[in-house]
Amino acid sequence: MMYLRSLLLAVAVSQLSGVAVADPLPSWNTGLTKSAILSFVERVTDADGGNYVPPSERIAVFDNDGTLWSEQPMYFQLIYALDRVRALAPQHPEWVDNPVLKAAMDGDVEGVLSNGKAGLMEVVMVSHAGMTVEDFKAAVRDWLAKARHPRSGRAYDEMVYQPMLELLSYLRAEGFKTFIVSGGGVDFIRVFAEEVYGIPPERVVGSSIKAAFEQASGAASLRKMPALDFIDDKAGKPIAINLHIGRRPLAAFGNSDGDLQMLQYTTTGTGLRFGLIVRHSDAEREWIYDRDSHIGRLDKALDQAEAAGWTVVDMKRDWRVVYPFELE
């Protein structure tokens, strides 16, 4: 599994560099950010301490785009949707008369986005709906196996953050249950979450379109329909957490204003809580963006971080390594 290979590589690097093998976060530089994470986990898992939390309540929720993997030059699921429209275009000659779909077929992202949410949703619907859930997942697996990131040349599921893989593993080793709570499509993320992050499908919460039950020739299936079901973003995240997880998280990890309410909901619960924001500050190894970005905008959440006591990761300062392939 990818996350296991990445951790083994990290341990090897820590041995070569003289870092203690016992360090659960070898790709995190020593400093206040790393110390805050370790201190929080130690305090809530110390059975003799005043902040002890039983394992049943150790819930940690993670955003996906920009928190567990990169999200530039655009959300990876949108890249999939555009690629899917182009692949299906020969079967739909009528799409050339639709400005939004014609833009998608031409790879004109700005043309798609100029139509706002309506244009984006139209592309998502034609690329995601009309097939069974199984067929959709097969199409995503095929795309992940073939598609490559335009800057790194790597598969998209290799564009995950090594420090966050270590953090996921560390939390689970300390009795936490880790969940993804993302604005991305739930069926899209479930295709790779277990292999890449070690998070099984039933612990992935995300946005969804409607589905219909079908039965034919003795076989039952679910078909994805061209209608919106739920957007798991902003205030929708705490709602989805309550609906699908049923416990207020003990720790929340995000990177944008889309995660603000999830962080608020998590950290205003009783007892010791933890909130963390990944700030993209490394132009050389990743990207620099926050307040003015149309993707992963970090503005209101950044303003509230200090008063709320949230830990802000400075990617350039705090991460020794960004991607697992840097360890190869």
Protein backbone atom coordinates (compact mmCIF):
# COMPACT_ATOMS: atom_id res chain seq x y z
CA MET A 1 0.00 0.00 0.00
CA MET A 2 1.26 3.43 -0.91
CA TYR A 3 1.02 4.98 2.57
CA LEU A 4 2.92 2.04 4.08
CA ARG A 5 5.69 2.28 1.48
CA SER A 6 5.95 6.00 2.14
CA LEU A 7 6.31 5.47 5.86
CA LEU A 8 9.01 2.85 5.38
CA LEU A 9 10.90 5.25 3.13
CA ALA A 10 10.58 7.99 5.72
CA VAL A 11 12.02 5.73 8.41
CA ALA A 12 14.95 4.88 6.13
CA VAL A 13 15.63 8.57 5.53
CA SER A 14 15.42 9.31 9.26
CA GLN A 15 18.02 6.62 9.94
CA LEU A 16 20.38 8.01 7.33
CA SER A 17 19.97 11.58 8.57
CA GLY A 18 20.46 10.70 12.22
CA VAL A 19 16.86 11.37 13.21
CA ALA A 20 15.56 9.01 15.89
CA VAL A 21 13.69 6.07 14.41
CA ALA A 22 11.12 6.47 17.22
CA ASP A 23 10.05 9.81 15.75
CA PRO A 24 6.51 9.24 14.43
CA LEU A 25 6.71 12.35 12.21
CA PRO A 26 10.14 12.23 10.54
CA SER A 27 9.10 14.48 7.63
CA TRP A 28 8.11 17.29 10.01
CA ASN A 29 10.84 19.70 11.03
CA THR A 30 11.41 20.23 14.72
CA GLY A 31 9.54 23.30 15.91
CA LEU A 32 6.36 24.64 17.47
CA THR A 33 4.04 23.03 14.90
CA LYS A 34 5.37 19.52 15.37
CA SER A 35 5.53 19.99 19.12
CA ALA A 36 1.89 21.10 19.22
CA ILE A 37 0.78 17.92 17.45
CA LEU A 38 2.84 15.61 19.64
CA SER A 39 1.80 17.40 22.84
CA PHE A 40 -1.90 17.21 22.01
CA VAL A 41 -1.76 13.49 21.23
CA GLU A 42 0.28 12.73 24.33
CA ARG A 43 -2.14 14.62 26.57
CA VAL A 44 -5.35 13.03 25.27
CA THR A 45 -3.88 9.52 25.34
CA ASP A 46 -2.33 9.75 28.83
CA ALA A 47 -4.68 7.64 30.96
CA ASP A 48 -3.32 9.24 34.14
CA GLY A 49 -3.68 12.83 32.90
CA GLY A 50 -6.54 15.27 33.22
CA ASN A 51 -7.08 15.51 29.46
CA TYR A 52 -7.47 11.80 28.77
CA VAL A 53 -9.97 10.88 26.06
CA PRO A 54 -11.07 7.25 25.60
CA PRO A 55 -10.35 5.69 22.19
CA SER A 56 -14.05 5.63 21.28
CA GLU A 57 -14.04 9.43 21.24
CA ARG A 58 -10.73 9.94 19.44
CA ILE A 59 -12.11 11.10 16.11
CA ALA A 60 -9.88 12.99 13.69
CA VAL A 61 -11.31 14.52 10.50
CA PHE A 62 -9.27 15.59 7.48
CA ASP A 63 -10.15 17.66 4.47
CA ASN A 64 -8.70 16.16 1.27
CA ASP A 65 -7.92 18.76 -1.41
CA GLY A 66 -5.02 20.91 -0.26
CA THR A 67 -4.81 19.09 3.07
CA LEU A 68 -3.93 15.50 2.17
CA TRP A 69 -2.97 16.03 -1.47
CA SER A 70 -2.28 18.97 -3.76
CA GLU A 71 -5.08 20.94 -5.40
CA GLN A 72 -3.23 23.01 -8.00
CA PRO A 73 -3.47 24.00 -10.84
CA MET A 74 -7.09 22.99 -10.16
CA TYR A 75 -8.96 20.41 -8.11
CA PHE A 76 -7.96 16.97 -9.36
CA GLN A 77 -11.56 15.80 -9.57
CA LEU A 78 -12.28 18.68 -11.95
CA ILE A 79 -9.36 17.56 -14.10
CA TYR A 80 -10.91 14.08 -14.12
CA ALA A 81 -14.28 15.53 -15.13
CA LEU A 82 -12.76 17.48 -18.02
CA ASP A 83 -10.80 14.45 -19.21
CA ARG A 84 -13.96 12.36 -18.96
CA VAL A 85 -15.96 14.84 -21.06
CA ARG A 86 -13.30 14.71 -23.77
CA ALA A 87 -13.30 10.90 -23.68
CA LEU A 88 -17.10 10.77 -24.02
CA ALA A 89 -17.36 13.54 -26.61
CA PRO A 90 -17.30 11.25 -29.71
CA GLN A 91 -20.48 9.61 -28.42
CA HIS A 92 -22.21 12.99 -28.03
CA PRO A 93 -21.89 15.16 -31.15
CA GLU A 94 -24.68 17.35 -29.77
CA TRP A 95 -22.31 18.68 -27.09
CA VAL A 96 -20.64 20.99 -29.60
CA ASP A 97 -23.79 23.13 -29.50
CA ASN A 98 -23.50 23.56 -25.72
CA PRO A 99 -21.03 26.39 -24.84
CA VAL A 100 -20.10 24.87 -21.49
CA LEU A 101 -19.49 21.35 -22.78
CA LYS A 102 -17.75 22.69 -25.89
CA ALA A 103 -15.37 24.57 -23.59
CA ALA A 104 -14.79 21.41 -21.57
CA MET A 105 -14.12 19.42 -24.74
CA ASP A 106 -11.57 22.04 -25.80
CA GLY A 107 -9.88 22.04 -22.41
CA ASP A 108 -10.96 25.66 -21.87
CA VAL A 109 -11.21 25.71 -18.09
CA GLU A 110 -11.82 29.44 -17.93
CA GLY A 111 -14.69 29.02 -20.39
CA VAL A 112 -16.27 26.42 -18.11
CA LEU A 113 -15.75 28.44 -14.95
CA SER A 114 -17.01 31.66 -16.58
CA ASN A 115 -20.46 30.10 -16.30
CA GLY A 116 -20.12 29.90 -12.53
CA LYS A 117 -21.39 27.01 -10.45
CA ALA A 118 -23.96 26.16 -13.10
CA GLY A 119 -21.26 25.51 -15.69
CA LEU A 120 -19.18 23.51 -13.27
CA MET A 121 -22.14 21.40 -12.21
CA GLU A 122 -23.03 20.70 -15.84
CA VAL A 123 -19.57 19.29 -16.47
CA VAL A 124 -19.71 17.25 -13.27
CA MET A 125 -23.11 15.82 -14.12
CA VAL A 126 -22.27 14.64 -17.64
CA SER A 127 -18.95 13.16 -16.46
CA HIS A 128 -20.20 11.52 -13.25
CA ALA A 129 -23.85 10.57 -13.85
CA GLY A 130 -25.57 7.99 -16.03
CA MET A 131 -23.47 5.03 -14.92
CA THR A 132 -23.55 2.62 -12.02
CA VAL A 133 -21.44 3.35 -8.98
CA GLU A 134 -19.24 0.36 -9.88
CA ASP A 135 -18.69 1.64 -13.43
CA PHE A 136 -17.90 5.11 -12.13
CA LYS A 137 -15.28 3.75 -9.73
CA ALA A 138 -13.76 1.68 -12.54
CA ALA A 139 -13.52 4.79 -14.71
CA VAL A 140 -11.78 6.72 -11.92
CA ARG A 141 -9.31 3.87 -11.31
CA ASP A 142 -8.49 3.78 -15.00
CA TRP A 143 -7.95 7.55 -15.03
CA LEU A 144 -5.71 7.46 -11.96
CA ALA A 145 -3.60 4.76 -13.58
CA LYS A 146 -3.05 6.78 -16.75
CA ALA A 147 -3.39 10.51 -16.01
CA ARG A 148 -0.37 12.57 -14.97
CA HIS A 149 -0.05 15.86 -13.16
CA PRO A 150 0.91 18.65 -15.61
CA ARG A 151 3.82 19.96 -13.54
CA SER A 152 5.30 16.95 -11.76
CA GLY A 153 4.51 14.29 -14.36
CA ARG A 154 3.42 12.04 -11.50
CA ALA A 155 0.17 10.14 -11.08
CA TYR A 156 -2.35 12.25 -9.19
CA ASP A 157 -2.47 9.83 -6.26
CA GLU A 158 1.28 10.33 -5.87
CA MET A 159 0.70 14.04 -5.22
CA VAL A 160 -0.12 13.31 -1.59
CA TYR A 161 1.67 14.92 1.33
CA GLN A 162 4.21 12.71 3.06
CA PRO A 163 3.94 14.60 6.39
CA MET A 164 0.17 14.07 6.42
CA LEU A 165 0.55 10.36 5.67
CA GLU A 166 2.79 10.14 8.72
CA LEU A 167 0.28 12.09 10.78
CA LEU A 168 -2.55 9.77 9.78
CA SER A 169 -0.48 6.73 10.72
CA TYR A 170 0.62 8.30 14.02
CA LEU A 171 -2.93 9.14 15.04
CA ARG A 172 -4.18 5.65 14.25
CA ALA A 173 -1.31 4.14 16.23
CA GLU A 174 -2.50 6.24 19.17
CA GLY A 175 -6.07 4.95 18.97
CA PHE A 176 -7.66 7.59 16.75
CA LYS A 177 -10.19 6.85 14.04
CA THR A 178 -9.34 8.93 10.96
CA PHE A 179 -11.98 10.20 8.56
CA ILE A 180 -11.93 12.24 5.37
CA VAL A 181 -14.54 15.02 5.29
CA SER A 182 -14.22 16.67 1.90
CA GLY A 183 -16.06 18.89 -0.51
CA GLY A 184 -14.91 16.46 -3.19
CA GLY A 185 -17.11 13.68 -4.47
CA VAL A 186 -17.49 10.84 -2.01
CA ASP A 187 -17.39 8.08 -4.66
CA PHE A 188 -14.35 9.65 -6.32
CA ILE A 189 -12.33 9.75 -3.09
CA ARG A 190 -13.39 6.28 -2.00
CA VAL A 191 -11.64 4.80 -5.03
CA PHE A 192 -8.16 5.58 -3.68
CA ALA A 193 -8.54 6.57 -0.01
CA GLU A 194 -7.82 3.17 1.49
CA GLU A 195 -4.76 2.40 -0.61
CA VAL A 196 -3.28 5.89 -0.44
CA TYR A 197 -4.30 7.07 3.06
CA GLY A 198 -5.25 3.89 4.88
CA ILE A 199 -8.79 5.26 5.29
CA PRO A 200 -11.51 2.74 4.31
CA PRO A 201 -14.52 3.79 2.18
CA GLU A 202 -16.92 3.84 5.12
CA ARG A 203 -14.82 6.58 6.74
CA VAL A 204 -14.98 8.91 3.73
CA VAL A 205 -17.58 11.70 3.90
CA GLY A 206 -18.01 13.88 0.83
CA SER A 207 -20.28 15.62 -1.63
CA SER A 208 -22.64 13.49 -3.67
CA ILE A 209 -25.09 13.40 -6.52
CA LYS A 210 -28.30 11.42 -6.28
CA ALA A 211 -28.43 7.70 -7.00
CA ALA A 212 -31.25 5.37 -7.97
CA PHE A 213 -31.65 1.71 -7.10
CA GLU A 214 -32.01 -0.62 -10.07
CA GLN A 215 -32.61 -4.33 -10.42
CA ALA A 216 -32.32 -6.19 -13.71
CA SER A 217 -31.68 -9.83 -14.59
CA GLY A 218 -31.44 -10.68 -10.91
CA ALA A 219 -28.69 -8.14 -10.24
CA ALA A 220 -29.09 -5.01 -8.13
CA SER A 221 -27.08 -1.82 -8.56
CA LEU A 222 -27.03 1.91 -7.90
CA ARG A 223 -27.02 4.32 -10.85
CA LYS A 224 -25.66 7.84 -10.43
CA MET A 225 -28.25 10.42 -11.46
CA PRO A 226 -27.76 13.95 -12.89
CA ALA A 227 -29.05 15.70 -9.78
CA LEU A 228 -27.25 17.17 -6.80
CA ASP A 229 -27.67 15.41 -3.45
CA PHE A 230 -25.38 17.12 -0.91
CA ILE A 231 -22.46 19.58 -0.92
CA ASP A 232 -20.05 18.72 1.88
CA ASP A 233 -18.40 22.11 2.20
CA LYS A 234 -18.35 24.99 4.69
CA ALA A 235 -21.38 24.69 7.02
CA GLY A 236 -22.23 21.41 5.31
CA LYS A 237 -19.20 19.72 6.87
CA PRO A 238 -20.40 19.75 10.50
CA ILE A 239 -23.83 18.62 9.30
CA ALA A 240 -22.27 15.71 7.42
CA ILE A 241 -20.04 14.85 10.37
CA ASN A 242 -23.06 14.57 12.64
CA LEU A 243 -25.01 12.58 10.05
CA HIS A 244 -22.28 10.11 9.05
CA ILE A 245 -19.92 9.96 12.05
CA GLY A 246 -22.21 10.78 14.95
CA ARG A 247 -19.51 12.19 17.22
CA ARG A 248 -17.98 15.65 17.44
CA PRO A 249 -14.36 15.26 16.31
CA LEU A 250 -11.49 15.66 18.73
CA ALA A 251 -9.19 17.01 16.02
CA ALA A 252 -9.75 18.60 12.62
CA PHE A 253 -7.31 19.31 9.80
CA GLY A 254 -7.98 21.61 6.84
CA ASN A 255 -6.44 24.23 4.59
CA SER A 256 -9.11 26.64 3.44
CA ASP A 257 -12.18 28.66 4.32
CA GLY A 258 -14.20 25.65 3.21
CA ASP A 259 -12.95 23.97 6.40
CA LEU A 260 -13.73 26.90 8.72
CA GLN A 261 -16.97 25.56 10.15
CA MET A 262 -15.50 22.07 10.58
CA LEU A 263 -12.66 23.57 12.60
CA GLN A 264 -15.08 25.66 14.65
CA TYR A 265 -17.36 22.71 15.33
CA THR A 266 -14.44 20.53 16.39
CA THR A 267 -12.53 22.93 18.59
CA THR A 268 -15.47 24.47 20.47
CA GLY A 269 -16.42 21.13 21.95
CA THR A 270 -15.73 20.43 25.62
CA GLY A 271 -12.29 19.37 26.78
CA LEU A 272 -8.99 19.57 24.97
CA ARG A 273 -9.39 19.87 21.18
CA PHE A 274 -7.06 20.42 18.24
CA GLY A 275 -7.40 22.31 14.98
CA LEU A 276 -4.75 22.57 12.27
CA ILE A 277 -4.54 24.51 9.01
CA VAL A 278 -2.09 23.66 6.23
CA ARG A 279 -0.86 26.94 4.71
CA HIS A 280 0.64 26.69 1.24
CA SER A 281 3.86 28.70 1.46
CA ASP A 282 6.39 26.77 -0.64
CA ALA A 283 6.63 27.89 -4.27
CA GLU A 284 9.62 25.67 -5.00
CA ARG A 285 8.28 22.32 -3.79
CA GLU A 286 4.55 23.04 -4.08
CA TRP A 287 2.72 26.38 -4.48
CA ILE A 288 2.14 29.65 -2.64
CA TYR A 289 -1.48 30.75 -2.25
CA ASP A 290 -3.99 31.70 0.41
CA ARG A 291 -6.20 34.82 0.65
CA ASP A 292 -6.63 35.67 -3.04
CA SER A 293 -6.75 32.18 -4.50
CA HIS A 294 -9.83 30.94 -6.35
CA ILE A 295 -8.77 27.42 -5.35
CA GLY A 296 -8.34 26.63 -1.68
CA ARG A 297 -8.82 30.21 -0.52
CA LEU A 298 -7.55 30.68 3.03
CA ASP A 299 -8.74 34.01 4.39
CA LYS A 300 -11.39 33.97 7.14
CA ALA A 301 -10.02 30.78 8.68
CA LEU A 302 -6.53 32.26 8.77
CA ASP A 303 -7.84 35.38 10.51
CA GLN A 304 -9.53 33.26 13.17
CA ALA A 305 -6.68 30.79 13.70
CA GLU A 306 -4.74 32.67 16.37
CA ALA A 307 -7.76 33.57 18.51
CA ALA A 308 -9.13 30.05 18.19
CA GLY A 309 -5.80 28.48 19.11
CA TRP A 310 -5.45 26.57 15.85
CA THR A 311 -2.03 25.41 14.69
CA VAL A 312 -1.02 26.81 11.30
CA VAL A 313 1.44 24.75 9.27
CA ASP A 314 3.92 26.80 7.27
CA MET A 315 4.67 24.25 4.56
CA LYS A 316 8.06 25.71 3.68
CA ARG A 317 9.22 25.95 7.29
CA ASP A 318 7.57 22.93 8.88
CA TRP A 319 7.86 20.18 6.28
CA ARG A 320 11.19 18.51 5.65
CA VAL A 321 9.62 16.58 2.76
CA VAL A 322 6.43 17.37 0.82
CA TYR A 323 5.76 14.33 -1.41
CA PRO A 324 6.59 10.65 -0.93
CA PHE A 325 8.48 10.51 -4.22
CA GLU A 326 11.05 12.91 -2.78
CA LEU A 327 12.19 9.98 -0.64
CA GLU A 328 12.88 7.67 -3.60
